[in-house]
Amino acid sequence: MGCREISITKEYPSNLTNNIVYVVSKCTSQDKGQNRGRDTVTIRIELIPTVSHCIETVAKREYWRSVDEYLKKRKEDKELEEKIELLRSFLETEDFGILRRQSEKHLMNGEQVKFTLSIRNGKQAHEMTVEKTYKGKNECNIKQSCN
């Protein structure tokens, strides 16, 4: 048994672009023992910027949406706390000028860009993936990882 992945689908008001995908991969302590020697991802968040909303804006919106959700729950939620902490750390430490330049050149060409934030082996990491579309087929051909 490996890590289990939980996808959470959120509905957004029709006037907002659905540009946030929240996927959490959780490993139990039992799972972690079986993954020795391999990267163990304990949480993963996917953020999809658009031409009108850069990665920084998408990350800030998801951060504040998550904080609001946490406060409304009025009870402890470890997964949501981890998500909030990962987003906070990403917002405080990344150079968004560089990330915007890297992603906007692809977005302007009509390609989809996805940033995946994760905690791997206890360390924050992010990855940018670009999907190019050719005759209706998606081809993921560019991948940049940063630790």
N, C-alpha and C. Protein backbone atom coordinates (compact mmCIF):
# COMPACT_ATOMS: atom_id res chain seq x y z
N MET A 1 0.86 -1.18 0.00
CA MET A 1 0.00 0.00 0.00
C MET A 1 0.89 1.23 0.00
N GLY A 2 0.69 2.15 -0.94
CA GLY A 2 1.46 3.38 -1.01
C GLY A 2 0.66 4.54 -0.47
N CYS A 3 1.04 5.73 -0.92
CA CYS A 3 0.31 6.93 -0.51
C CYS A 3 -1.04 6.93 -1.20
N ARG A 4 -2.03 7.43 -0.51
CA ARG A 4 -3.34 7.56 -1.13
C ARG A 4 -3.54 9.00 -1.56
N GLU A 5 -4.22 9.19 -2.66
CA GLU A 5 -4.45 10.54 -3.17
C GLU A 5 -5.92 10.87 -3.02
N ILE A 6 -6.18 12.05 -2.51
CA ILE A 6 -7.53 12.51 -2.31
C ILE A 6 -7.72 13.75 -3.15
N SER A 7 -8.62 13.71 -4.12
CA SER A 7 -8.91 14.89 -4.93
C SER A 7 -10.15 15.56 -4.36
N ILE A 8 -10.09 16.86 -4.23
CA ILE A 8 -11.21 17.63 -3.71
C ILE A 8 -11.65 18.59 -4.80
N THR A 9 -12.88 18.47 -5.23
CA THR A 9 -13.40 19.35 -6.26
C THR A 9 -14.18 20.48 -5.59
N LYS A 10 -13.88 21.69 -5.99
CA LYS A 10 -14.57 22.85 -5.44
C LYS A 10 -15.40 23.48 -6.54
N GLU A 11 -16.60 23.94 -6.18
CA GLU A 11 -17.41 24.68 -7.13
C GLU A 11 -17.21 26.16 -6.88
N TYR A 12 -17.07 26.91 -7.95
CA TYR A 12 -16.82 28.33 -7.86
C TYR A 12 -17.99 29.08 -8.48
N PRO A 13 -18.25 30.31 -8.02
CA PRO A 13 -19.30 31.12 -8.65
C PRO A 13 -18.99 31.27 -10.14
N SER A 14 -20.03 31.39 -10.95
CA SER A 14 -19.86 31.42 -12.40
C SER A 14 -19.02 32.60 -12.88
N ASN A 15 -18.90 33.67 -12.08
CA ASN A 15 -18.11 34.82 -12.51
C ASN A 15 -16.62 34.65 -12.25
N LEU A 16 -16.21 33.56 -11.61
CA LEU A 16 -14.79 33.30 -11.35
C LEU A 16 -14.28 32.21 -12.28
N THR A 17 -13.05 32.32 -12.67
CA THR A 17 -12.42 31.28 -13.46
C THR A 17 -12.01 30.15 -12.53
N ASN A 18 -12.34 28.94 -12.91
CA ASN A 18 -11.94 27.79 -12.10
C ASN A 18 -10.48 27.49 -12.38
N ASN A 19 -9.58 28.13 -11.62
CA ASN A 19 -8.16 27.97 -11.89
C ASN A 19 -7.40 27.42 -10.70
N ILE A 20 -8.10 26.78 -9.79
CA ILE A 20 -7.42 26.20 -8.64
C ILE A 20 -7.85 24.73 -8.52
N VAL A 21 -6.89 23.87 -8.49
CA VAL A 21 -7.14 22.46 -8.27
C VAL A 21 -6.43 22.11 -6.97
N TYR A 22 -7.12 21.47 -6.07
CA TYR A 22 -6.54 21.11 -4.78
C TYR A 22 -6.49 19.59 -4.71
N VAL A 23 -5.30 19.08 -4.71
CA VAL A 23 -5.09 17.65 -4.59
C VAL A 23 -4.19 17.41 -3.40
N VAL A 24 -4.61 16.58 -2.51
CA VAL A 24 -3.79 16.28 -1.34
C VAL A 24 -3.36 14.82 -1.44
N SER A 25 -2.08 14.59 -1.32
CA SER A 25 -1.57 13.22 -1.21
C SER A 25 -1.12 13.04 0.22
N LYS A 26 -1.68 12.11 0.92
CA LYS A 26 -1.33 11.87 2.32
C LYS A 26 -0.69 10.50 2.46
N CYS A 27 0.37 10.45 3.22
CA CYS A 27 1.02 9.18 3.54
C CYS A 27 0.85 8.92 5.02
N THR A 28 0.36 7.75 5.36
CA THR A 28 0.27 7.39 6.77
C THR A 28 1.64 6.91 7.22
N SER A 29 1.85 6.80 8.50
CA SER A 29 3.15 6.34 9.00
C SER A 29 3.43 4.93 8.49
N GLN A 30 2.41 4.13 8.31
CA GLN A 30 2.58 2.79 7.78
C GLN A 30 3.06 2.87 6.32
N ASP A 31 2.45 3.78 5.53
CA ASP A 31 2.84 3.97 4.14
C ASP A 31 4.28 4.45 4.04
N LYS A 32 4.68 5.37 4.91
CA LYS A 32 6.01 5.95 4.85
C LYS A 32 7.09 4.89 5.00
N GLY A 33 6.85 3.88 5.83
CA GLY A 33 7.82 2.82 6.00
C GLY A 33 8.05 2.03 4.73
N GLN A 34 7.01 1.89 3.92
CA GLN A 34 7.12 1.16 2.66
C GLN A 34 7.77 1.99 1.56
N ASN A 35 7.88 3.28 1.75
CA ASN A 35 8.44 4.16 0.73
C ASN A 35 9.87 4.56 1.04
N ARG A 36 10.57 3.80 1.88
CA ARG A 36 11.96 4.13 2.22
C ARG A 36 12.81 4.19 0.98
N GLY A 37 13.69 5.21 0.93
CA GLY A 37 14.57 5.35 -0.22
C GLY A 37 13.93 6.09 -1.37
N ARG A 38 12.65 6.36 -1.30
CA ARG A 38 11.95 7.11 -2.34
C ARG A 38 11.43 8.41 -1.75
N ASP A 39 11.13 9.37 -2.62
CA ASP A 39 10.53 10.61 -2.15
C ASP A 39 9.17 10.32 -1.54
N THR A 40 8.93 10.88 -0.37
CA THR A 40 7.63 10.76 0.27
C THR A 40 6.97 12.13 0.23
N VAL A 41 5.89 12.22 -0.52
CA VAL A 41 5.14 13.47 -0.63
C VAL A 41 4.02 13.40 0.39
N THR A 42 4.03 14.36 1.33
CA THR A 42 3.00 14.34 2.37
C THR A 42 1.83 15.25 2.04
N ILE A 43 2.05 16.25 1.21
CA ILE A 43 0.95 17.11 0.77
C ILE A 43 1.33 17.69 -0.59
N ARG A 44 0.33 17.84 -1.45
CA ARG A 44 0.56 18.39 -2.78
C ARG A 44 -0.61 19.30 -3.16
N ILE A 45 -0.29 20.47 -3.66
CA ILE A 45 -1.31 21.44 -4.09
C ILE A 45 -1.00 21.83 -5.52
N GLU A 46 -1.99 21.82 -6.38
CA GLU A 46 -1.80 22.24 -7.76
C GLU A 46 -2.49 23.58 -7.97
N LEU A 47 -1.75 24.53 -8.53
CA LEU A 47 -2.27 25.87 -8.82
C LEU A 47 -2.11 26.12 -10.31
N ILE A 48 -3.18 26.60 -10.93
CA ILE A 48 -3.15 26.81 -12.38
C ILE A 48 -3.39 28.29 -12.67
N PRO A 49 -2.32 29.01 -13.02
CA PRO A 49 -2.48 30.42 -13.37
C PRO A 49 -3.08 30.56 -14.78
N THR A 50 -3.60 31.74 -15.05
CA THR A 50 -4.14 32.04 -16.37
C THR A 50 -3.51 33.32 -16.87
N VAL A 51 -3.87 33.73 -18.07
CA VAL A 51 -3.36 35.00 -18.60
C VAL A 51 -3.79 36.16 -17.70
N SER A 52 -4.98 36.07 -17.13
CA SER A 52 -5.49 37.18 -16.31
C SER A 52 -5.15 37.05 -14.82
N HIS A 53 -4.68 35.89 -14.36
CA HIS A 53 -4.34 35.70 -12.94
C HIS A 53 -3.00 34.97 -12.84
N CYS A 54 -1.96 35.71 -12.43
CA CYS A 54 -0.61 35.13 -12.33
C CYS A 54 -0.54 34.15 -11.16
N ILE A 55 0.56 33.43 -11.08
CA ILE A 55 0.74 32.43 -10.03
C ILE A 55 0.66 33.04 -8.63
N GLU A 56 1.17 34.24 -8.45
CA GLU A 56 1.11 34.87 -7.13
C GLU A 56 -0.34 35.15 -6.73
N THR A 57 -1.13 35.67 -7.66
CA THR A 57 -2.54 35.95 -7.38
C THR A 57 -3.31 34.67 -7.08
N VAL A 58 -3.07 33.63 -7.87
CA VAL A 58 -3.75 32.35 -7.65
C VAL A 58 -3.38 31.77 -6.29
N ALA A 59 -2.10 31.84 -5.92
CA ALA A 59 -1.65 31.32 -4.63
C ALA A 59 -2.24 32.13 -3.47
N LYS A 60 -2.28 33.46 -3.59
CA LYS A 60 -2.86 34.30 -2.53
C LYS A 60 -4.35 34.01 -2.36
N ARG A 61 -5.06 33.88 -3.47
CA ARG A 61 -6.50 33.59 -3.38
C ARG A 61 -6.75 32.25 -2.69
N GLU A 62 -5.96 31.25 -3.05
CA GLU A 62 -6.14 29.94 -2.44
C GLU A 62 -5.74 29.96 -0.97
N TYR A 63 -4.70 30.72 -0.63
CA TYR A 63 -4.29 30.86 0.76
C TYR A 63 -5.44 31.45 1.58
N TRP A 64 -5.99 32.58 1.14
CA TRP A 64 -7.04 33.24 1.92
C TRP A 64 -8.35 32.45 1.92
N ARG A 65 -8.65 31.73 0.83
CA ARG A 65 -9.83 30.87 0.80
C ARG A 65 -9.66 29.75 1.83
N SER A 66 -8.45 29.20 1.92
CA SER A 66 -8.18 28.13 2.88
C SER A 66 -8.24 28.64 4.32
N VAL A 67 -7.70 29.84 4.58
CA VAL A 67 -7.77 30.44 5.92
C VAL A 67 -9.23 30.65 6.31
N ASP A 68 -10.04 31.20 5.39
CA ASP A 68 -11.47 31.40 5.67
C ASP A 68 -12.15 30.07 5.99
N GLU A 69 -11.86 29.05 5.21
CA GLU A 69 -12.45 27.73 5.44
C GLU A 69 -12.05 27.19 6.81
N TYR A 70 -10.79 27.37 7.17
CA TYR A 70 -10.29 26.89 8.47
C TYR A 70 -11.00 27.60 9.62
N LEU A 71 -11.15 28.92 9.51
CA LEU A 71 -11.81 29.67 10.57
C LEU A 71 -13.29 29.33 10.69
N LYS A 72 -13.93 29.03 9.58
CA LYS A 72 -15.35 28.66 9.62
C LYS A 72 -15.57 27.30 10.27
N LYS A 73 -14.59 26.40 10.14
CA LYS A 73 -14.72 25.06 10.72
C LYS A 73 -14.71 25.10 12.24
N ARG A 74 -13.95 26.01 12.82
CA ARG A 74 -13.84 26.16 14.27
C ARG A 74 -13.40 24.89 14.99
N LYS A 75 -12.67 24.05 14.26
CA LYS A 75 -12.08 22.87 14.89
C LYS A 75 -10.80 22.54 14.15
N GLU A 76 -9.96 21.76 14.80
CA GLU A 76 -8.65 21.42 14.24
C GLU A 76 -8.80 20.59 12.96
N ASP A 77 -8.03 20.94 11.94
CA ASP A 77 -8.00 20.21 10.67
C ASP A 77 -6.55 20.19 10.21
N LYS A 78 -5.86 19.10 10.50
CA LYS A 78 -4.41 19.01 10.22
C LYS A 78 -4.10 19.17 8.74
N GLU A 79 -4.90 18.56 7.86
CA GLU A 79 -4.63 18.66 6.43
C GLU A 79 -4.75 20.10 5.95
N LEU A 80 -5.78 20.80 6.42
CA LEU A 80 -5.97 22.19 6.03
C LEU A 80 -4.87 23.07 6.62
N GLU A 81 -4.43 22.77 7.83
CA GLU A 81 -3.32 23.51 8.44
C GLU A 81 -2.04 23.34 7.62
N GLU A 82 -1.77 22.11 7.16
CA GLU A 82 -0.59 21.85 6.32
C GLU A 82 -0.67 22.60 5.01
N LYS A 83 -1.86 22.62 4.42
CA LYS A 83 -2.07 23.33 3.16
C LYS A 83 -1.80 24.82 3.34
N ILE A 84 -2.36 25.40 4.39
CA ILE A 84 -2.18 26.83 4.67
C ILE A 84 -0.70 27.14 4.89
N GLU A 85 -0.02 26.31 5.65
CA GLU A 85 1.40 26.53 5.91
C GLU A 85 2.24 26.43 4.64
N LEU A 86 1.94 25.47 3.79
CA LEU A 86 2.67 25.33 2.53
C LEU A 86 2.44 26.55 1.63
N LEU A 87 1.21 27.01 1.52
CA LEU A 87 0.92 28.20 0.72
C LEU A 87 1.59 29.44 1.31
N ARG A 88 1.56 29.59 2.63
CA ARG A 88 2.19 30.74 3.27
C ARG A 88 3.68 30.75 2.99
N SER A 89 4.31 29.63 3.15
CA SER A 89 5.74 29.52 2.90
C SER A 89 6.08 29.82 1.44
N PHE A 90 5.29 29.30 0.53
CA PHE A 90 5.48 29.56 -0.90
C PHE A 90 5.37 31.06 -1.19
N LEU A 91 4.36 31.70 -0.63
CA LEU A 91 4.15 33.14 -0.86
C LEU A 91 5.28 33.98 -0.27
N GLU A 92 5.85 33.55 0.84
CA GLU A 92 6.89 34.33 1.51
C GLU A 92 8.29 34.10 0.93
N THR A 93 8.52 32.98 0.28
CA THR A 93 9.90 32.66 -0.10
C THR A 93 10.20 32.69 -1.60
N GLU A 94 9.19 32.62 -2.44
CA GLU A 94 9.45 32.52 -3.88
C GLU A 94 9.63 33.88 -4.53
N ASP A 95 10.39 33.92 -5.61
CA ASP A 95 10.58 35.13 -6.42
C ASP A 95 9.53 35.08 -7.53
N PHE A 96 8.42 35.79 -7.31
CA PHE A 96 7.31 35.71 -8.24
C PHE A 96 7.59 36.42 -9.57
N GLY A 97 8.54 37.33 -9.61
CA GLY A 97 8.94 37.93 -10.88
C GLY A 97 9.48 36.87 -11.82
N ILE A 98 10.32 36.00 -11.30
CA ILE A 98 10.88 34.91 -12.11
C ILE A 98 9.79 33.91 -12.50
N LEU A 99 8.95 33.52 -11.54
CA LEU A 99 7.89 32.55 -11.84
C LEU A 99 6.90 33.11 -12.86
N ARG A 100 6.58 34.40 -12.77
CA ARG A 100 5.68 35.03 -13.76
C ARG A 100 6.30 35.00 -15.15
N ARG A 101 7.58 35.40 -15.23
CA ARG A 101 8.25 35.39 -16.55
C ARG A 101 8.28 33.99 -17.15
N GLN A 102 8.58 33.00 -16.32
CA GLN A 102 8.63 31.62 -16.81
C GLN A 102 7.27 31.14 -17.28
N SER A 103 6.22 31.48 -16.57
CA SER A 103 4.89 30.96 -16.92
C SER A 103 4.17 31.79 -17.96
N GLU A 104 4.32 33.11 -17.93
CA GLU A 104 3.55 33.95 -18.84
C GLU A 104 3.91 33.75 -20.30
N LYS A 105 5.18 33.45 -20.60
CA LYS A 105 5.54 33.22 -22.00
C LYS A 105 4.78 32.02 -22.56
N HIS A 106 4.51 31.02 -21.73
CA HIS A 106 3.75 29.85 -22.17
C HIS A 106 2.26 30.16 -22.23
N LEU A 107 1.76 30.89 -21.24
CA LEU A 107 0.35 31.25 -21.23
C LEU A 107 -0.02 32.09 -22.45
N MET A 108 0.87 33.00 -22.84
CA MET A 108 0.61 33.86 -24.00
C MET A 108 0.58 33.05 -25.30
N ASN A 109 1.18 31.88 -25.30
CA ASN A 109 1.15 30.99 -26.47
C ASN A 109 -0.02 30.01 -26.41
N GLY A 110 -0.92 30.19 -25.44
CA GLY A 110 -2.09 29.34 -25.33
C GLY A 110 -1.84 28.01 -24.64
N GLU A 111 -0.71 27.87 -23.98
CA GLU A 111 -0.39 26.63 -23.29
C GLU A 111 -0.87 26.70 -21.85
N GLN A 112 -1.19 25.56 -21.27
CA GLN A 112 -1.62 25.51 -19.88
C GLN A 112 -0.40 25.30 -18.99
N VAL A 113 -0.33 26.10 -17.93
CA VAL A 113 0.77 26.02 -16.96
C VAL A 113 0.18 25.57 -15.63
N LYS A 114 0.89 24.66 -14.98
CA LYS A 114 0.45 24.18 -13.67
C LYS A 114 1.64 24.20 -12.72
N PHE A 115 1.44 24.79 -11.55
CA PHE A 115 2.46 24.76 -10.50
C PHE A 115 2.00 23.74 -9.46
N THR A 116 2.89 22.85 -9.10
CA THR A 116 2.60 21.86 -8.08
C THR A 116 3.49 22.16 -6.88
N LEU A 117 2.86 22.50 -5.76
CA LEU A 117 3.57 22.74 -4.51
C LEU A 117 3.49 21.44 -3.70
N SER A 118 4.57 21.10 -3.05
CA SER A 118 4.53 19.88 -2.26
C SER A 118 5.53 19.95 -1.12
N ILE A 119 5.34 19.03 -0.21
CA ILE A 119 6.33 18.81 0.84
C ILE A 119 6.84 17.40 0.60
N ARG A 120 8.12 17.31 0.24
CA ARG A 120 8.75 16.03 -0.05
C ARG A 120 9.83 15.78 0.99
N ASN A 121 9.72 14.67 1.66
CA ASN A 121 10.70 14.32 2.69
C ASN A 121 10.91 15.46 3.67
N GLY A 122 9.82 16.15 4.01
CA GLY A 122 9.88 17.23 4.99
C GLY A 122 10.32 18.57 4.44
N LYS A 123 10.60 18.67 3.13
CA LYS A 123 11.07 19.93 2.54
C LYS A 123 10.09 20.43 1.48
N GLN A 124 9.92 21.76 1.45
CA GLN A 124 9.05 22.38 0.47
C GLN A 124 9.68 22.29 -0.92
N ALA A 125 8.85 22.00 -1.92
CA ALA A 125 9.32 21.96 -3.31
C ALA A 125 8.20 22.47 -4.20
N HIS A 126 8.56 22.98 -5.37
CA HIS A 126 7.55 23.31 -6.35
C HIS A 126 8.04 22.92 -7.74
N GLU A 127 7.07 22.72 -8.62
CA GLU A 127 7.37 22.27 -9.96
C GLU A 127 6.42 22.98 -10.92
N MET A 128 6.91 23.41 -12.05
CA MET A 128 6.07 24.02 -13.08
C MET A 128 5.98 23.04 -14.24
N THR A 129 4.77 22.74 -14.67
CA THR A 129 4.54 21.86 -15.80
C THR A 129 3.78 22.64 -16.86
N VAL A 130 4.19 22.49 -18.12
CA VAL A 130 3.52 23.16 -19.23
C VAL A 130 2.96 22.10 -20.15
N GLU A 131 1.68 22.24 -20.50
CA GLU A 131 1.06 21.32 -21.44
C GLU A 131 0.83 22.05 -22.75
N LYS A 132 1.39 21.49 -23.82
CA LYS A 132 1.16 22.03 -25.15
C LYS A 132 0.11 21.17 -25.82
N THR A 133 -0.77 21.78 -26.57
CA THR A 133 -1.83 21.05 -27.25
C THR A 133 -1.52 21.00 -28.74
N TYR A 134 -1.53 19.82 -29.29
CA TYR A 134 -1.33 19.61 -30.72
C TYR A 134 -2.51 18.81 -31.25
N LYS A 135 -3.30 19.39 -32.13
CA LYS A 135 -4.43 18.71 -32.77
C LYS A 135 -5.29 17.96 -31.76
N GLY A 136 -5.62 18.63 -30.66
CA GLY A 136 -6.51 18.04 -29.68
C GLY A 136 -5.86 17.11 -28.69
N LYS A 137 -4.57 16.85 -28.84
CA LYS A 137 -3.87 15.97 -27.90
C LYS A 137 -3.00 16.80 -26.98
N ASN A 138 -3.03 16.48 -25.71
CA ASN A 138 -2.17 17.17 -24.75
C ASN A 138 -0.86 16.44 -24.65
N GLU A 139 0.19 17.20 -24.67
CA GLU A 139 1.53 16.63 -24.56
C GLU A 139 2.29 17.39 -23.49
N CYS A 140 2.60 16.75 -22.41
CA CYS A 140 3.35 17.41 -21.35
C CYS A 140 4.82 17.27 -21.68
N ASN A 141 5.46 18.38 -22.07
CA ASN A 141 6.83 18.24 -22.54
C ASN A 141 7.82 19.15 -21.85
N ILE A 142 7.39 19.97 -20.94
CA ILE A 142 8.30 20.84 -20.22
C ILE A 142 8.03 20.68 -18.74
N LYS A 143 9.05 20.42 -17.97
CA LYS A 143 8.89 20.25 -16.54
C LYS A 143 10.07 20.88 -15.84
N GLN A 144 9.80 21.80 -14.91
CA GLN A 144 10.87 22.44 -14.15
C GLN A 144 10.59 22.23 -12.67
N SER A 145 11.55 21.72 -11.97
CA SER A 145 11.41 21.48 -10.53
C SER A 145 12.36 22.38 -9.76
N CYS A 146 11.89 22.86 -8.63
CA CYS A 146 12.73 23.66 -7.75
C CYS A 146 12.54 23.14 -6.34
N ASN A 147 13.60 23.01 -5.60
CA ASN A 147 13.50 22.57 -4.20
C ASN A 147 13.87 23.69 -3.29
